[in-house]
Amino acid sequence: MAIKYTKHFLDKLENLFASSEYMLRYEKGTFKSGYCVLNDAKIVIVNKYFPLEGKINALIDILIELNLDPADFKDKANHDFLTDLRQTQLKF
């Protein structure tokens, strides 16, 4: 799967977080990497001033870092999307 820098692709990534136990928020802040993951509270914060490409790259980095299990997603579309995304990232 190719990473597409579109609003639709961003919506699919946001839907993954909505279906997981992590809450995704866009906030302003001085994050060195552009995002912050609070594992104990299960909150992911992304810099709201990032352009579309930056938000997508940050969310992909976070998904890889969190190592979510595709089997935990009840929706088959989210399961397949996360599996395809992981396989794409393993090639790099």
N, C-alpha and C. Protein backbone atom coordinates (compact mmCIF):
# COMPACT_ATOMS: atom_id res chain seq x y z
N MET A 1 0.84 -1.17 0.00
CA MET A 1 0.00 0.00 0.00
C MET A 1 0.89 1.24 0.00
N ALA A 2 0.54 2.17 -0.84
CA ALA A 2 1.28 3.42 -0.89
C ALA A 2 0.64 4.40 0.09
N ILE A 3 1.49 5.17 0.72
CA ILE A 3 1.00 6.21 1.63
C ILE A 3 0.56 7.40 0.79
N LYS A 4 -0.68 7.79 0.98
CA LYS A 4 -1.24 8.91 0.23
C LYS A 4 -1.42 10.08 1.19
N TYR A 5 -0.97 11.23 0.78
CA TYR A 5 -1.08 12.41 1.63
C TYR A 5 -2.35 13.18 1.28
N THR A 6 -3.48 12.55 1.64
CA THR A 6 -4.79 13.14 1.38
C THR A 6 -5.58 13.19 2.68
N LYS A 7 -6.64 13.98 2.68
CA LYS A 7 -7.51 14.08 3.85
C LYS A 7 -8.19 12.74 4.13
N HIS A 8 -8.53 12.00 3.07
CA HIS A 8 -9.18 10.69 3.24
C HIS A 8 -8.24 9.71 3.96
N PHE A 9 -6.96 9.71 3.58
CA PHE A 9 -5.99 8.82 4.23
C PHE A 9 -5.82 9.22 5.70
N LEU A 10 -5.78 10.52 5.97
CA LEU A 10 -5.70 10.98 7.36
C LEU A 10 -6.92 10.53 8.15
N ASP A 11 -8.10 10.60 7.53
CA ASP A 11 -9.32 10.15 8.20
C ASP A 11 -9.25 8.66 8.55
N LYS A 12 -8.67 7.86 7.66
CA LYS A 12 -8.54 6.42 7.93
C LYS A 12 -7.59 6.18 9.11
N LEU A 13 -6.51 6.95 9.19
CA LEU A 13 -5.59 6.83 10.31
C LEU A 13 -6.27 7.25 11.62
N GLU A 14 -7.02 8.35 11.57
CA GLU A 14 -7.73 8.81 12.75
C GLU A 14 -8.78 7.79 13.19
N ASN A 15 -9.39 7.11 12.24
CA ASN A 15 -10.37 6.08 12.55
C ASN A 15 -9.72 4.90 13.28
N LEU A 16 -8.48 4.59 12.95
CA LEU A 16 -7.75 3.55 13.68
C LEU A 16 -7.62 3.90 15.15
N PHE A 17 -7.27 5.15 15.42
CA PHE A 17 -7.14 5.58 16.82
C PHE A 17 -8.50 5.60 17.51
N ALA A 18 -9.54 5.98 16.80
CA ALA A 18 -10.89 6.01 17.38
C ALA A 18 -11.34 4.59 17.75
N SER A 19 -10.90 3.61 16.99
CA SER A 19 -11.28 2.22 17.25
C SER A 19 -10.38 1.55 18.28
N SER A 20 -9.27 2.17 18.61
CA SER A 20 -8.35 1.61 19.58
C SER A 20 -8.66 2.18 20.97
N GLU A 21 -7.84 1.79 21.92
CA GLU A 21 -8.03 2.31 23.29
C GLU A 21 -7.34 3.65 23.50
N TYR A 22 -6.63 4.15 22.48
CA TYR A 22 -5.94 5.43 22.58
C TYR A 22 -6.82 6.56 22.08
N MET A 23 -6.74 7.71 22.75
CA MET A 23 -7.47 8.90 22.35
C MET A 23 -6.50 9.82 21.60
N LEU A 24 -6.90 10.26 20.42
CA LEU A 24 -6.09 11.14 19.59
C LEU A 24 -6.57 12.56 19.75
N ARG A 25 -5.63 13.46 20.03
CA ARG A 25 -5.95 14.89 20.16
C ARG A 25 -4.94 15.70 19.38
N TYR A 26 -5.40 16.80 18.81
CA TYR A 26 -4.53 17.77 18.15
C TYR A 26 -4.44 18.98 19.05
N GLU A 27 -3.23 19.29 19.50
CA GLU A 27 -3.01 20.40 20.43
C GLU A 27 -1.77 21.17 19.99
N LYS A 28 -1.64 22.38 20.49
CA LYS A 28 -0.40 23.11 20.25
C LYS A 28 0.57 22.76 21.36
N GLY A 29 1.84 22.80 21.02
CA GLY A 29 2.86 22.47 22.02
C GLY A 29 4.23 22.48 21.39
N THR A 30 5.22 22.29 22.21
CA THR A 30 6.60 22.29 21.73
C THR A 30 7.14 20.86 21.82
N PHE A 31 6.62 19.99 21.00
CA PHE A 31 7.07 18.61 20.97
C PHE A 31 8.25 18.53 20.01
N LYS A 32 9.34 17.94 20.44
CA LYS A 32 10.51 17.84 19.58
C LYS A 32 10.22 17.01 18.33
N SER A 33 9.45 15.95 18.49
CA SER A 33 9.15 15.09 17.34
C SER A 33 7.83 15.48 16.67
N GLY A 34 7.12 16.44 17.22
CA GLY A 34 5.84 16.84 16.65
C GLY A 34 4.65 16.14 17.28
N TYR A 35 4.94 15.21 18.17
CA TYR A 35 3.85 14.50 18.85
C TYR A 35 4.32 14.01 20.20
N CYS A 36 3.36 13.61 21.01
CA CYS A 36 3.64 13.10 22.34
C CYS A 36 2.67 11.96 22.62
N VAL A 37 3.20 10.85 23.18
CA VAL A 37 2.38 9.71 23.52
C VAL A 37 2.41 9.54 25.04
N LEU A 38 1.24 9.63 25.66
CA LEU A 38 1.13 9.42 27.10
C LEU A 38 0.58 8.00 27.28
N ASN A 39 1.48 7.03 27.45
CA ASN A 39 1.07 5.63 27.49
C ASN A 39 0.18 5.30 28.67
N ASP A 40 0.48 5.86 29.84
CA ASP A 40 -0.33 5.54 31.02
C ASP A 40 -1.77 6.01 30.87
N ALA A 41 -1.96 7.17 30.28
CA ALA A 41 -3.31 7.71 30.09
C ALA A 41 -3.91 7.30 28.74
N LYS A 42 -3.10 6.65 27.89
CA LYS A 42 -3.53 6.21 26.56
C LYS A 42 -4.03 7.39 25.73
N ILE A 43 -3.21 8.44 25.69
CA ILE A 43 -3.52 9.64 24.93
C ILE A 43 -2.38 9.91 23.96
N VAL A 44 -2.73 10.24 22.74
CA VAL A 44 -1.76 10.63 21.71
C VAL A 44 -2.05 12.07 21.35
N ILE A 45 -1.02 12.92 21.42
CA ILE A 45 -1.18 14.34 21.11
C ILE A 45 -0.27 14.67 19.93
N VAL A 46 -0.86 15.25 18.89
CA VAL A 46 -0.12 15.64 17.69
C VAL A 46 -0.22 17.15 17.56
N ASN A 47 0.87 17.77 17.11
CA ASN A 47 0.90 19.21 16.92
C ASN A 47 -0.16 19.62 15.90
N LYS A 48 -1.08 20.47 16.32
CA LYS A 48 -2.20 20.85 15.45
C LYS A 48 -1.77 21.77 14.32
N TYR A 49 -0.58 22.34 14.39
CA TYR A 49 -0.11 23.23 13.34
C TYR A 49 0.68 22.50 12.25
N PHE A 50 0.79 21.18 12.38
CA PHE A 50 1.44 20.39 11.34
C PHE A 50 0.63 20.48 10.05
N PRO A 51 1.32 20.50 8.91
CA PRO A 51 0.57 20.37 7.65
C PRO A 51 0.05 18.93 7.52
N LEU A 52 -0.77 18.69 6.54
CA LEU A 52 -1.39 17.38 6.34
C LEU A 52 -0.34 16.26 6.27
N GLU A 53 0.71 16.48 5.52
CA GLU A 53 1.77 15.47 5.38
C GLU A 53 2.43 15.18 6.72
N GLY A 54 2.67 16.19 7.52
CA GLY A 54 3.28 16.01 8.83
C GLY A 54 2.40 15.22 9.78
N LYS A 55 1.09 15.50 9.74
CA LYS A 55 0.16 14.76 10.60
C LYS A 55 0.12 13.28 10.22
N ILE A 56 0.08 13.00 8.92
CA ILE A 56 0.05 11.61 8.47
C ILE A 56 1.33 10.89 8.86
N ASN A 57 2.48 11.51 8.65
CA ASN A 57 3.75 10.88 9.02
C ASN A 57 3.84 10.65 10.53
N ALA A 58 3.37 11.60 11.31
CA ALA A 58 3.39 11.45 12.77
C ALA A 58 2.49 10.31 13.21
N LEU A 59 1.29 10.23 12.65
CA LEU A 59 0.36 9.16 13.04
C LEU A 59 0.89 7.79 12.65
N ILE A 60 1.55 7.69 11.51
CA ILE A 60 2.15 6.41 11.11
C ILE A 60 3.27 6.04 12.07
N ASP A 61 4.12 6.99 12.41
CA ASP A 61 5.20 6.74 13.38
C ASP A 61 4.63 6.26 14.72
N ILE A 62 3.56 6.88 15.15
CA ILE A 62 2.95 6.52 16.44
C ILE A 62 2.35 5.12 16.37
N LEU A 63 1.67 4.80 15.28
CA LEU A 63 1.09 3.46 15.14
C LEU A 63 2.16 2.38 15.18
N ILE A 64 3.29 2.65 14.57
CA ILE A 64 4.40 1.68 14.60
C ILE A 64 4.95 1.58 16.01
N GLU A 65 5.10 2.71 16.69
CA GLU A 65 5.63 2.74 18.05
C GLU A 65 4.70 2.02 19.04
N LEU A 66 3.40 2.20 18.88
CA LEU A 66 2.44 1.61 19.82
C LEU A 66 2.31 0.11 19.64
N ASN A 67 2.62 -0.38 18.44
CA ASN A 67 2.55 -1.81 18.15
C ASN A 67 1.17 -2.38 18.49
N LEU A 68 0.13 -1.74 17.97
CA LEU A 68 -1.24 -2.21 18.18
C LEU A 68 -1.45 -3.54 17.46
N ASP A 69 -2.27 -4.38 18.02
CA ASP A 69 -2.56 -5.69 17.45
C ASP A 69 -3.76 -5.57 16.51
N PRO A 70 -3.60 -5.91 15.23
CA PRO A 70 -4.73 -5.82 14.30
C PRO A 70 -5.92 -6.67 14.72
N ALA A 71 -5.68 -7.74 15.44
CA ALA A 71 -6.76 -8.63 15.88
C ALA A 71 -7.69 -7.95 16.90
N ASP A 72 -7.23 -6.88 17.54
CA ASP A 72 -8.04 -6.16 18.52
C ASP A 72 -9.14 -5.31 17.87
N PHE A 73 -9.05 -5.10 16.58
CA PHE A 73 -10.03 -4.26 15.88
C PHE A 73 -11.19 -5.13 15.41
N LYS A 74 -12.39 -4.74 15.77
CA LYS A 74 -13.58 -5.49 15.39
C LYS A 74 -13.96 -5.23 13.93
N ASP A 75 -13.68 -4.03 13.47
CA ASP A 75 -13.99 -3.65 12.09
C ASP A 75 -12.93 -4.23 11.15
N LYS A 76 -13.35 -5.04 10.19
CA LYS A 76 -12.41 -5.69 9.27
C LYS A 76 -11.63 -4.67 8.46
N ALA A 77 -12.26 -3.55 8.11
CA ALA A 77 -11.57 -2.52 7.33
C ALA A 77 -10.38 -1.96 8.11
N ASN A 78 -10.55 -1.70 9.40
CA ASN A 78 -9.45 -1.20 10.23
C ASN A 78 -8.37 -2.27 10.39
N HIS A 79 -8.79 -3.51 10.57
CA HIS A 79 -7.86 -4.63 10.70
C HIS A 79 -6.98 -4.74 9.45
N ASP A 80 -7.61 -4.72 8.28
CA ASP A 80 -6.88 -4.84 7.02
C ASP A 80 -6.00 -3.62 6.76
N PHE A 81 -6.51 -2.43 7.08
CA PHE A 81 -5.73 -1.21 6.87
C PHE A 81 -4.46 -1.21 7.72
N LEU A 82 -4.57 -1.58 8.99
CA LEU A 82 -3.41 -1.62 9.87
C LEU A 82 -2.42 -2.68 9.42
N THR A 83 -2.90 -3.83 9.00
CA THR A 83 -2.03 -4.90 8.52
C THR A 83 -1.28 -4.45 7.27
N ASP A 84 -1.97 -3.83 6.32
CA ASP A 84 -1.33 -3.34 5.10
C ASP A 84 -0.31 -2.24 5.41
N LEU A 85 -0.67 -1.37 6.32
CA LEU A 85 0.23 -0.28 6.71
C LEU A 85 1.51 -0.83 7.33
N ARG A 86 1.39 -1.82 8.18
CA ARG A 86 2.56 -2.43 8.81
C ARG A 86 3.45 -3.11 7.78
N GLN A 87 2.87 -3.81 6.83
CA GLN A 87 3.65 -4.51 5.82
C GLN A 87 4.39 -3.50 4.95
N THR A 88 3.75 -2.38 4.65
CA THR A 88 4.40 -1.33 3.87
C THR A 88 5.58 -0.75 4.63
N GLN A 89 5.43 -0.51 5.93
CA GLN A 89 6.49 0.10 6.72
C GLN A 89 7.65 -0.86 6.96
N LEU A 90 7.40 -2.16 6.98
CA LEU A 90 8.46 -3.14 7.18
C LEU A 90 9.39 -3.20 5.98
N LYS A 91 8.93 -2.79 4.81
CA LYS A 91 9.75 -2.83 3.60
C LYS A 91 10.82 -1.75 3.63
N PHE A 92 10.60 -0.69 4.40
CA PHE A 92 11.55 0.43 4.42
C PHE A 92 12.64 0.21 5.39
